[in-house]
Amino acid sequence: MAKPIKQIRRVIPTPEQEREQAITDILTALANNREAVLGTLGIIKQLQDIGVLAALNALLEKRVDVGVIAINQINQPNMHNMIKNGMNAINFLGKVSPDQLQIMLDGVSRGLVRFGEKIDKREKASIWKLGSSIGNDDVKTALVTMLGFLEGMGEVFKEDKQELH
């Protein structure tokens, strides 16, 4: 039969042994992740070369002063409006389908090109040209599209006006 254990010896490493173990663990991790470590060092070197690390260091050293300036800027009424407008723009973009937005932006882009061509040619506007351009299929399509846009905008304006009263 085995003898009962009466005394348990705990092995408590010395601070030197703990330090050696930590160094061994670090070297093992570095060796196991050599490519990642070298890539990270390359990025850090490039950031150092272009002065980003010096700027970040200065920013961190003056973080209290920079924080005060940032808070003062954010507390301006115009900044509140800008933040709200940014959130509204993000909400708007979330509601618009990417295909619709692409078509609209392509149309605006092409319209600006045509606008620039008219300016370059120094064409003078006349009632006659305006009247004859309504017969153009592209102009008709744009006008019908704009009328639909205006109808939708008017509906929202009416709803908002009713909610405000």
N, C-alpha and C. Protein backbone atom coordinates (compact mmCIF):
# COMPACT_ATOMS: atom_id res chain seq x y z
N MET A 1 0.83 -1.17 0.00
CA MET A 1 0.00 0.00 0.00
C MET A 1 0.88 1.25 0.00
N ALA A 2 0.36 2.30 -0.67
CA ALA A 2 1.15 3.53 -0.78
C ALA A 2 1.05 4.33 0.51
N LYS A 3 2.11 5.08 0.72
CA LYS A 3 2.12 5.93 1.91
C LYS A 3 1.34 7.21 1.64
N PRO A 4 0.63 7.70 2.61
CA PRO A 4 -0.10 8.95 2.43
C PRO A 4 0.87 10.13 2.27
N ILE A 5 0.48 11.09 1.43
CA ILE A 5 1.30 12.29 1.24
C ILE A 5 0.98 13.24 2.38
N LYS A 6 2.02 13.59 3.09
CA LYS A 6 1.84 14.47 4.23
C LYS A 6 2.32 15.88 3.95
N GLN A 7 3.16 16.01 2.95
CA GLN A 7 3.73 17.33 2.68
C GLN A 7 3.74 17.57 1.17
N ILE A 8 3.23 18.73 0.74
CA ILE A 8 3.21 19.10 -0.67
C ILE A 8 4.22 20.23 -0.85
N ARG A 9 5.12 19.98 -1.77
CA ARG A 9 6.14 20.99 -2.04
C ARG A 9 5.75 21.82 -3.25
N ARG A 10 5.59 23.07 -3.04
CA ARG A 10 5.28 23.97 -4.16
C ARG A 10 6.58 24.54 -4.69
N VAL A 11 6.67 24.52 -6.02
CA VAL A 11 7.85 25.10 -6.66
C VAL A 11 7.49 26.51 -7.09
N ILE A 12 8.06 27.47 -6.44
CA ILE A 12 7.82 28.87 -6.77
C ILE A 12 9.06 29.38 -7.50
N PRO A 13 8.87 29.78 -8.78
CA PRO A 13 10.04 30.23 -9.53
C PRO A 13 10.54 31.57 -9.00
N THR A 14 11.81 31.75 -9.11
CA THR A 14 12.43 33.01 -8.70
C THR A 14 12.14 34.06 -9.77
N PRO A 15 12.29 35.32 -9.45
CA PRO A 15 12.08 36.36 -10.47
C PRO A 15 12.97 36.16 -11.70
N GLU A 16 14.17 35.67 -11.50
CA GLU A 16 15.07 35.43 -12.63
C GLU A 16 14.53 34.32 -13.52
N GLN A 17 14.00 33.26 -12.89
CA GLN A 17 13.43 32.15 -13.67
C GLN A 17 12.18 32.61 -14.44
N GLU A 18 11.37 33.45 -13.81
CA GLU A 18 10.18 33.98 -14.48
C GLU A 18 10.60 34.84 -15.69
N ARG A 19 11.63 35.65 -15.53
CA ARG A 19 12.13 36.50 -16.60
C ARG A 19 12.66 35.64 -17.75
N GLU A 20 13.42 34.60 -17.43
CA GLU A 20 13.95 33.70 -18.45
C GLU A 20 12.82 33.01 -19.21
N GLN A 21 11.79 32.59 -18.48
CA GLN A 21 10.65 31.93 -19.12
C GLN A 21 9.93 32.92 -20.04
N ALA A 22 9.77 34.17 -19.60
CA ALA A 22 9.11 35.19 -20.41
C ALA A 22 9.91 35.45 -21.69
N ILE A 23 11.22 35.54 -21.57
CA ILE A 23 12.08 35.76 -22.75
C ILE A 23 11.97 34.58 -23.70
N THR A 24 11.96 33.39 -23.18
CA THR A 24 11.83 32.19 -24.00
C THR A 24 10.48 32.19 -24.73
N ASP A 25 9.41 32.55 -24.02
CA ASP A 25 8.08 32.60 -24.64
C ASP A 25 8.04 33.63 -25.76
N ILE A 26 8.64 34.79 -25.52
CA ILE A 26 8.65 35.86 -26.53
C ILE A 26 9.44 35.41 -27.75
N LEU A 27 10.61 34.83 -27.55
CA LEU A 27 11.42 34.38 -28.68
C LEU A 27 10.72 33.28 -29.46
N THR A 28 10.02 32.40 -28.76
CA THR A 28 9.27 31.34 -29.45
C THR A 28 8.15 31.94 -30.30
N ALA A 29 7.43 32.92 -29.74
CA ALA A 29 6.35 33.57 -30.48
C ALA A 29 6.91 34.33 -31.69
N LEU A 30 8.04 35.00 -31.52
CA LEU A 30 8.66 35.71 -32.64
C LEU A 30 9.07 34.74 -33.74
N ALA A 31 9.66 33.63 -33.34
CA ALA A 31 10.10 32.64 -34.32
C ALA A 31 8.90 32.01 -35.04
N ASN A 32 7.83 31.74 -34.34
CA ASN A 32 6.65 31.12 -34.93
C ASN A 32 5.90 32.08 -35.87
N ASN A 33 6.08 33.38 -35.66
CA ASN A 33 5.36 34.39 -36.45
C ASN A 33 6.34 35.31 -37.17
N ARG A 34 7.39 34.75 -37.68
CA ARG A 34 8.49 35.52 -38.27
C ARG A 34 8.00 36.46 -39.37
N GLU A 35 7.21 35.96 -40.33
CA GLU A 35 6.77 36.78 -41.46
C GLU A 35 5.88 37.93 -40.99
N ALA A 36 5.00 37.65 -40.07
CA ALA A 36 4.11 38.70 -39.58
C ALA A 36 4.90 39.78 -38.84
N VAL A 37 5.87 39.36 -38.05
CA VAL A 37 6.69 40.31 -37.29
C VAL A 37 7.52 41.16 -38.24
N LEU A 38 8.13 40.53 -39.24
CA LEU A 38 8.94 41.29 -40.20
C LEU A 38 8.08 42.24 -41.02
N GLY A 39 6.89 41.81 -41.41
CA GLY A 39 5.97 42.70 -42.13
C GLY A 39 5.57 43.89 -41.29
N THR A 40 5.27 43.64 -40.03
CA THR A 40 4.90 44.72 -39.12
C THR A 40 6.05 45.69 -38.93
N LEU A 41 7.24 45.17 -38.79
CA LEU A 41 8.42 46.03 -38.65
C LEU A 41 8.63 46.87 -39.92
N GLY A 42 8.35 46.30 -41.08
CA GLY A 42 8.45 47.06 -42.33
C GLY A 42 7.46 48.21 -42.35
N ILE A 43 6.24 47.95 -41.91
CA ILE A 43 5.23 49.01 -41.86
C ILE A 43 5.66 50.10 -40.89
N ILE A 44 6.13 49.70 -39.74
CA ILE A 44 6.57 50.67 -38.74
C ILE A 44 7.73 51.51 -39.28
N LYS A 45 8.64 50.88 -40.02
CA LYS A 45 9.78 51.59 -40.61
C LYS A 45 9.29 52.64 -41.59
N GLN A 46 8.32 52.28 -42.42
CA GLN A 46 7.78 53.24 -43.39
C GLN A 46 7.06 54.39 -42.69
N LEU A 47 6.32 54.08 -41.63
CA LEU A 47 5.66 55.13 -40.86
C LEU A 47 6.68 56.07 -40.22
N GLN A 48 7.78 55.51 -39.78
CA GLN A 48 8.86 56.32 -39.20
C GLN A 48 9.48 57.21 -40.28
N ASP A 49 9.71 56.65 -41.46
CA ASP A 49 10.36 57.40 -42.55
C ASP A 49 9.53 58.60 -42.99
N ILE A 50 8.21 58.48 -43.00
CA ILE A 50 7.38 59.59 -43.46
C ILE A 50 6.94 60.51 -42.32
N GLY A 51 7.35 60.21 -41.12
CA GLY A 51 7.09 61.10 -39.99
C GLY A 51 5.80 60.86 -39.23
N VAL A 52 5.09 59.80 -39.55
CA VAL A 52 3.82 59.53 -38.88
C VAL A 52 4.05 59.18 -37.41
N LEU A 53 5.07 58.40 -37.14
CA LEU A 53 5.32 58.01 -35.75
C LEU A 53 5.70 59.21 -34.89
N ALA A 54 6.47 60.13 -35.45
CA ALA A 54 6.83 61.34 -34.70
C ALA A 54 5.58 62.18 -34.42
N ALA A 55 4.71 62.27 -35.41
CA ALA A 55 3.46 63.03 -35.22
C ALA A 55 2.58 62.36 -34.16
N LEU A 56 2.46 61.03 -34.22
CA LEU A 56 1.66 60.31 -33.22
C LEU A 56 2.25 60.47 -31.83
N ASN A 57 3.56 60.41 -31.75
CA ASN A 57 4.23 60.58 -30.46
C ASN A 57 3.94 61.97 -29.90
N ALA A 58 4.06 63.00 -30.73
CA ALA A 58 3.77 64.36 -30.28
C ALA A 58 2.32 64.50 -29.87
N LEU A 59 1.43 63.87 -30.64
CA LEU A 59 0.00 63.91 -30.33
C LEU A 59 -0.27 63.27 -28.97
N LEU A 60 0.36 62.14 -28.72
CA LEU A 60 0.17 61.46 -27.43
C LEU A 60 0.75 62.25 -26.28
N GLU A 61 1.88 62.91 -26.52
CA GLU A 61 2.47 63.72 -25.46
C GLU A 61 1.58 64.91 -25.10
N LYS A 62 0.90 65.45 -26.08
CA LYS A 62 0.03 66.61 -25.86
C LYS A 62 -1.44 66.23 -25.89
N ARG A 63 -1.74 64.99 -25.52
CA ARG A 63 -3.10 64.47 -25.64
C ARG A 63 -4.13 65.27 -24.86
N VAL A 64 -3.77 65.83 -23.72
CA VAL A 64 -4.73 66.61 -22.94
C VAL A 64 -5.08 67.89 -23.69
N ASP A 65 -4.05 68.58 -24.18
CA ASP A 65 -4.29 69.82 -24.93
C ASP A 65 -5.08 69.54 -26.20
N VAL A 66 -4.71 68.49 -26.90
CA VAL A 66 -5.41 68.13 -28.14
C VAL A 66 -6.86 67.74 -27.83
N GLY A 67 -7.07 67.03 -26.75
CA GLY A 67 -8.42 66.65 -26.35
C GLY A 67 -9.29 67.87 -26.06
N VAL A 68 -8.72 68.85 -25.38
CA VAL A 68 -9.47 70.08 -25.07
C VAL A 68 -9.85 70.79 -26.36
N ILE A 69 -8.90 70.89 -27.30
CA ILE A 69 -9.18 71.55 -28.58
C ILE A 69 -10.26 70.79 -29.34
N ALA A 70 -10.15 69.46 -29.36
CA ALA A 70 -11.14 68.64 -30.08
C ALA A 70 -12.53 68.82 -29.48
N ILE A 71 -12.63 68.79 -28.16
CA ILE A 71 -13.93 68.96 -27.50
C ILE A 71 -14.49 70.34 -27.79
N ASN A 72 -13.64 71.37 -27.76
CA ASN A 72 -14.11 72.73 -28.07
C ASN A 72 -14.63 72.82 -29.50
N GLN A 73 -13.96 72.15 -30.43
CA GLN A 73 -14.41 72.16 -31.82
C GLN A 73 -15.73 71.40 -31.98
N ILE A 74 -15.85 70.28 -31.31
CA ILE A 74 -17.07 69.48 -31.41
C ILE A 74 -18.25 70.20 -30.79
N ASN A 75 -18.01 71.03 -29.77
CA ASN A 75 -19.10 71.71 -29.08
C ASN A 75 -19.63 72.94 -29.82
N GLN A 76 -19.07 73.26 -30.97
CA GLN A 76 -19.58 74.39 -31.74
C GLN A 76 -20.89 73.99 -32.42
N PRO A 77 -21.85 74.93 -32.49
CA PRO A 77 -23.15 74.60 -33.09
C PRO A 77 -23.03 74.08 -34.53
N ASN A 78 -22.14 74.65 -35.32
CA ASN A 78 -21.98 74.19 -36.70
C ASN A 78 -21.52 72.75 -36.76
N MET A 79 -20.71 72.35 -35.81
CA MET A 79 -20.22 70.98 -35.79
C MET A 79 -21.35 70.00 -35.49
N HIS A 80 -22.26 70.40 -34.61
CA HIS A 80 -23.42 69.55 -34.31
C HIS A 80 -24.24 69.35 -35.59
N ASN A 81 -24.43 70.44 -36.34
CA ASN A 81 -25.16 70.33 -37.60
C ASN A 81 -24.43 69.43 -38.57
N MET A 82 -23.11 69.54 -38.64
CA MET A 82 -22.35 68.72 -39.56
C MET A 82 -22.46 67.24 -39.20
N ILE A 83 -22.41 66.93 -37.92
CA ILE A 83 -22.53 65.54 -37.48
C ILE A 83 -23.93 65.00 -37.82
N LYS A 84 -24.95 65.80 -37.53
CA LYS A 84 -26.33 65.38 -37.85
C LYS A 84 -26.50 65.20 -39.36
N ASN A 85 -25.96 66.14 -40.14
CA ASN A 85 -26.05 66.04 -41.60
C ASN A 85 -25.32 64.80 -42.10
N GLY A 86 -24.19 64.51 -41.51
CA GLY A 86 -23.46 63.30 -41.90
C GLY A 86 -24.27 62.04 -41.62
N MET A 87 -24.91 62.00 -40.47
CA MET A 87 -25.73 60.84 -40.13
C MET A 87 -26.94 60.75 -41.08
N ASN A 88 -27.53 61.89 -41.41
CA ASN A 88 -28.66 61.88 -42.35
C ASN A 88 -28.20 61.41 -43.73
N ALA A 89 -27.01 61.83 -44.15
CA ALA A 89 -26.49 61.39 -45.45
C ALA A 89 -26.25 59.89 -45.46
N ILE A 90 -25.74 59.37 -44.36
CA ILE A 90 -25.51 57.92 -44.27
C ILE A 90 -26.85 57.18 -44.30
N ASN A 91 -27.85 57.69 -43.58
CA ASN A 91 -29.18 57.08 -43.61
C ASN A 91 -29.77 57.12 -45.02
N PHE A 92 -29.59 58.25 -45.70
CA PHE A 92 -30.10 58.39 -47.07
C PHE A 92 -29.44 57.36 -47.98
N LEU A 93 -28.13 57.26 -47.91
CA LEU A 93 -27.42 56.30 -48.76
C LEU A 93 -27.82 54.87 -48.46
N GLY A 94 -28.20 54.60 -47.22
CA GLY A 94 -28.66 53.26 -46.86
C GLY A 94 -30.02 52.94 -47.45
N LYS A 95 -30.85 53.95 -47.69
CA LYS A 95 -32.18 53.74 -48.23
C LYS A 95 -32.18 53.61 -49.76
N VAL A 96 -31.18 54.19 -50.41
CA VAL A 96 -31.13 54.18 -51.87
C VAL A 96 -30.44 52.91 -52.33
N SER A 97 -31.05 52.24 -53.31
CA SER A 97 -30.41 51.04 -53.82
C SER A 97 -29.16 51.44 -54.60
N PRO A 98 -28.12 50.63 -54.55
CA PRO A 98 -26.87 50.97 -55.26
C PRO A 98 -27.08 51.17 -56.76
N ASP A 99 -27.97 50.40 -57.36
CA ASP A 99 -28.22 50.55 -58.80
C ASP A 99 -28.87 51.90 -59.10
N GLN A 100 -29.84 52.30 -58.28
CA GLN A 100 -30.50 53.60 -58.48
C GLN A 100 -29.49 54.73 -58.31
N LEU A 101 -28.67 54.63 -57.28
CA LEU A 101 -27.69 55.68 -57.03
C LEU A 101 -26.68 55.76 -58.17
N GLN A 102 -26.26 54.61 -58.68
CA GLN A 102 -25.30 54.61 -59.78
C GLN A 102 -25.89 55.26 -61.02
N ILE A 103 -27.15 54.94 -61.33
CA ILE A 103 -27.81 55.54 -62.49
C ILE A 103 -27.91 57.05 -62.31
N MET A 104 -28.31 57.48 -61.11
CA MET A 104 -28.45 58.90 -60.85
C MET A 104 -27.10 59.62 -60.98
N LEU A 105 -26.06 59.06 -60.40
CA LEU A 105 -24.75 59.69 -60.46
C LEU A 105 -24.19 59.70 -61.88
N ASP A 106 -24.44 58.62 -62.64
CA ASP A 106 -24.02 58.61 -64.04
C ASP A 106 -24.74 59.70 -64.83
N GLY A 107 -26.04 59.87 -64.55
CA GLY A 107 -26.80 60.92 -65.22
C GLY A 107 -26.29 62.31 -64.87
N VAL A 108 -26.00 62.53 -63.60
CA VAL A 108 -25.47 63.83 -63.18
C VAL A 108 -24.11 64.07 -63.84
N SER A 109 -23.29 63.05 -63.89
CA SER A 109 -21.97 63.18 -64.50
C SER A 109 -22.07 63.54 -65.98
N ARG A 110 -22.90 62.79 -66.69
CA ARG A 110 -23.06 63.07 -68.12
C ARG A 110 -23.70 64.43 -68.33
N GLY A 111 -24.65 64.80 -67.48
CA GLY A 111 -25.26 66.12 -67.57
C GLY A 111 -24.24 67.23 -67.38
N LEU A 112 -23.32 67.04 -66.45
CA LEU A 112 -22.27 68.05 -66.24
C LEU A 112 -21.34 68.14 -67.44
N VAL A 113 -21.08 67.00 -68.09
CA VAL A 113 -20.25 67.01 -69.29
C VAL A 113 -20.94 67.83 -70.38
N ARG A 114 -22.24 67.56 -70.61
CA ARG A 114 -22.99 68.30 -71.63
C ARG A 114 -23.06 69.79 -71.28
N PHE A 115 -23.23 70.07 -70.00
CA PHE A 115 -23.25 71.45 -69.53
C PHE A 115 -21.94 72.14 -69.88
N GLY A 116 -20.83 71.45 -69.60
CA GLY A 116 -19.52 72.01 -69.93
C GLY A 116 -19.33 72.24 -71.41
N GLU A 117 -19.85 71.31 -72.23
CA GLU A 117 -19.75 71.48 -73.69
C GLU A 117 -20.51 72.72 -74.14
N LYS A 118 -21.70 72.94 -73.58
CA LYS A 118 -22.50 74.11 -73.95
C LYS A 118 -21.77 75.39 -73.55
N ILE A 119 -21.14 75.36 -72.40
CA ILE A 119 -20.40 76.54 -71.93
C ILE A 119 -19.21 76.80 -72.86
N ASP A 120 -18.48 75.72 -73.21
CA ASP A 120 -17.32 75.86 -74.08
C ASP A 120 -17.70 76.42 -75.45
N LYS A 121 -18.85 76.00 -75.96
CA LYS A 121 -19.30 76.48 -77.28
C LYS A 121 -19.89 77.88 -77.19
N ARG A 122 -20.12 78.34 -76.00
CA ARG A 122 -20.71 79.66 -75.73
C ARG A 122 -22.06 79.81 -76.44
N GLU A 123 -22.83 78.73 -76.36
CA GLU A 123 -24.15 78.77 -76.97
C GLU A 123 -25.06 79.67 -76.14
N LYS A 124 -25.82 80.46 -76.85
CA LYS A 124 -26.75 81.34 -76.15
C LYS A 124 -28.09 80.63 -76.02
N ALA A 125 -28.71 80.83 -74.87
CA ALA A 125 -30.01 80.22 -74.62
C ALA A 125 -31.09 81.04 -75.30
N SER A 126 -32.09 80.34 -75.81
CA SER A 126 -33.22 81.04 -76.40
C SER A 126 -34.49 80.23 -76.13
N ILE A 127 -35.60 80.91 -76.18
CA ILE A 127 -36.88 80.24 -75.97
C ILE A 127 -37.10 79.21 -77.07
N TRP A 128 -36.70 79.54 -78.29
CA TRP A 128 -36.87 78.62 -79.42
C TRP A 128 -36.11 77.32 -79.18
N LYS A 129 -34.83 77.42 -78.74
CA LYS A 129 -34.03 76.21 -78.46
C LYS A 129 -34.63 75.42 -77.32
N LEU A 130 -35.12 76.13 -76.31
CA LEU A 130 -35.74 75.45 -75.18
C LEU A 130 -36.97 74.67 -75.63
N GLY A 131 -37.80 75.31 -76.43
CA GLY A 131 -39.01 74.65 -76.92
C GLY A 131 -38.70 73.46 -77.81
N SER A 132 -37.71 73.59 -78.66
CA SER A 132 -37.38 72.47 -79.56
C SER A 132 -36.69 71.34 -78.81
N SER A 133 -36.01 71.64 -77.71
CA SER A 133 -35.32 70.58 -76.96
C SER A 133 -36.31 69.69 -76.21
N ILE A 134 -37.51 70.17 -75.98
CA ILE A 134 -38.51 69.35 -75.29
C ILE A 134 -38.90 68.15 -76.14
N GLY A 135 -38.75 68.27 -77.47
CA GLY A 135 -39.03 67.15 -78.35
C GLY A 135 -37.96 66.06 -78.30
N ASN A 136 -36.81 66.36 -77.75
CA ASN A 136 -35.71 65.39 -77.66
C ASN A 136 -36.08 64.32 -76.63
N ASP A 137 -35.92 63.04 -77.01
CA ASP A 137 -36.29 61.93 -76.11
C ASP A 137 -35.51 61.96 -74.80
N ASP A 138 -34.23 62.32 -74.86
CA ASP A 138 -33.43 62.37 -73.63
C ASP A 138 -33.95 63.45 -72.69
N VAL A 139 -34.30 64.60 -73.25
CA VAL A 139 -34.83 65.70 -72.44
C VAL A 139 -36.18 65.30 -71.84
N LYS A 140 -37.03 64.65 -72.64
CA LYS A 140 -38.33 64.20 -72.13
C LYS A 140 -38.16 63.22 -70.97
N THR A 141 -37.24 62.28 -71.14
CA THR A 141 -36.99 61.29 -70.08
C THR A 141 -36.53 62.00 -68.81
N ALA A 142 -35.62 62.96 -68.96
CA ALA A 142 -35.12 63.69 -67.79
C ALA A 142 -36.23 64.49 -67.14
N LEU A 143 -37.07 65.12 -67.95
CA LEU A 143 -38.17 65.92 -67.38
C LEU A 143 -39.16 65.05 -66.63
N VAL A 144 -39.52 63.90 -67.21
CA VAL A 144 -40.45 62.99 -66.52
C VAL A 144 -39.82 62.50 -65.22
N THR A 145 -38.54 62.18 -65.26
CA THR A 145 -37.84 61.74 -64.05
C THR A 145 -37.83 62.84 -63.00
N MET A 146 -37.55 64.07 -63.42
CA MET A 146 -37.52 65.18 -62.47
C MET A 146 -38.91 65.46 -61.90
N LEU A 147 -39.95 65.30 -62.73
CA LEU A 147 -41.31 65.50 -62.21
C LEU A 147 -41.65 64.45 -61.15
N GLY A 148 -41.26 63.21 -61.39
CA GLY A 148 -41.45 62.17 -60.37
C GLY A 148 -40.70 62.50 -59.10
N PHE A 149 -39.48 62.99 -59.25
CA PHE A 149 -38.66 63.40 -58.11
C PHE A 149 -39.37 64.52 -57.34
N LEU A 150 -39.87 65.51 -58.07
CA LEU A 150 -40.54 66.64 -57.42
C LEU A 150 -41.83 66.20 -56.73
N GLU A 151 -42.58 65.27 -57.33
CA GLU A 151 -43.79 64.76 -56.70
C GLU A 151 -43.46 64.06 -55.38
N GLY A 152 -42.46 63.23 -55.40
CA GLY A 152 -42.05 62.53 -54.17
C GLY A 152 -41.59 63.51 -53.11
N MET A 153 -40.83 64.51 -53.51
CA MET A 153 -40.36 65.51 -52.56
C MET A 153 -41.54 66.28 -51.99
N GLY A 154 -42.52 66.62 -52.84
CA GLY A 154 -43.70 67.34 -52.37
C GLY A 154 -44.50 66.53 -51.37
N GLU A 155 -44.62 65.22 -51.61
CA GLU A 155 -45.34 64.36 -50.67
C GLU A 155 -44.70 64.41 -49.29
N VAL A 156 -43.39 64.32 -49.26
CA VAL A 156 -42.68 64.35 -47.96
C VAL A 156 -42.84 65.71 -47.30
N PHE A 157 -42.76 66.78 -48.10
CA PHE A 157 -42.94 68.11 -47.53
C PHE A 157 -44.33 68.27 -46.92
N LYS A 158 -45.36 67.76 -47.59
CA LYS A 158 -46.71 67.83 -47.04
C LYS A 158 -46.82 67.05 -45.74
N GLU A 159 -46.25 65.82 -45.72
CA GLU A 159 -46.30 65.00 -44.52
C GLU A 159 -45.58 65.69 -43.37
N ASP A 160 -44.41 66.24 -43.64
CA ASP A 160 -43.65 66.91 -42.58
C ASP A 160 -44.39 68.15 -42.08
N LYS A 161 -45.04 68.87 -43.00
CA LYS A 161 -45.77 70.07 -42.61
C LYS A 161 -46.94 69.70 -41.70
N GLN A 162 -47.63 68.61 -42.02
CA GLN A 162 -48.75 68.17 -41.20
C GLN A 162 -48.26 67.73 -39.82
N GLU A 163 -47.10 67.07 -39.78
CA GLU A 163 -46.58 66.62 -38.49
C GLU A 163 -46.13 67.79 -37.63
N LEU A 164 -45.68 68.88 -38.25
CA LEU A 164 -45.20 70.02 -37.50
C LEU A 164 -46.33 70.83 -36.87
N HIS A 165 -47.55 70.74 -37.43
CA HIS A 165 -48.67 71.53 -36.90
C HIS A 165 -49.49 70.74 -35.95
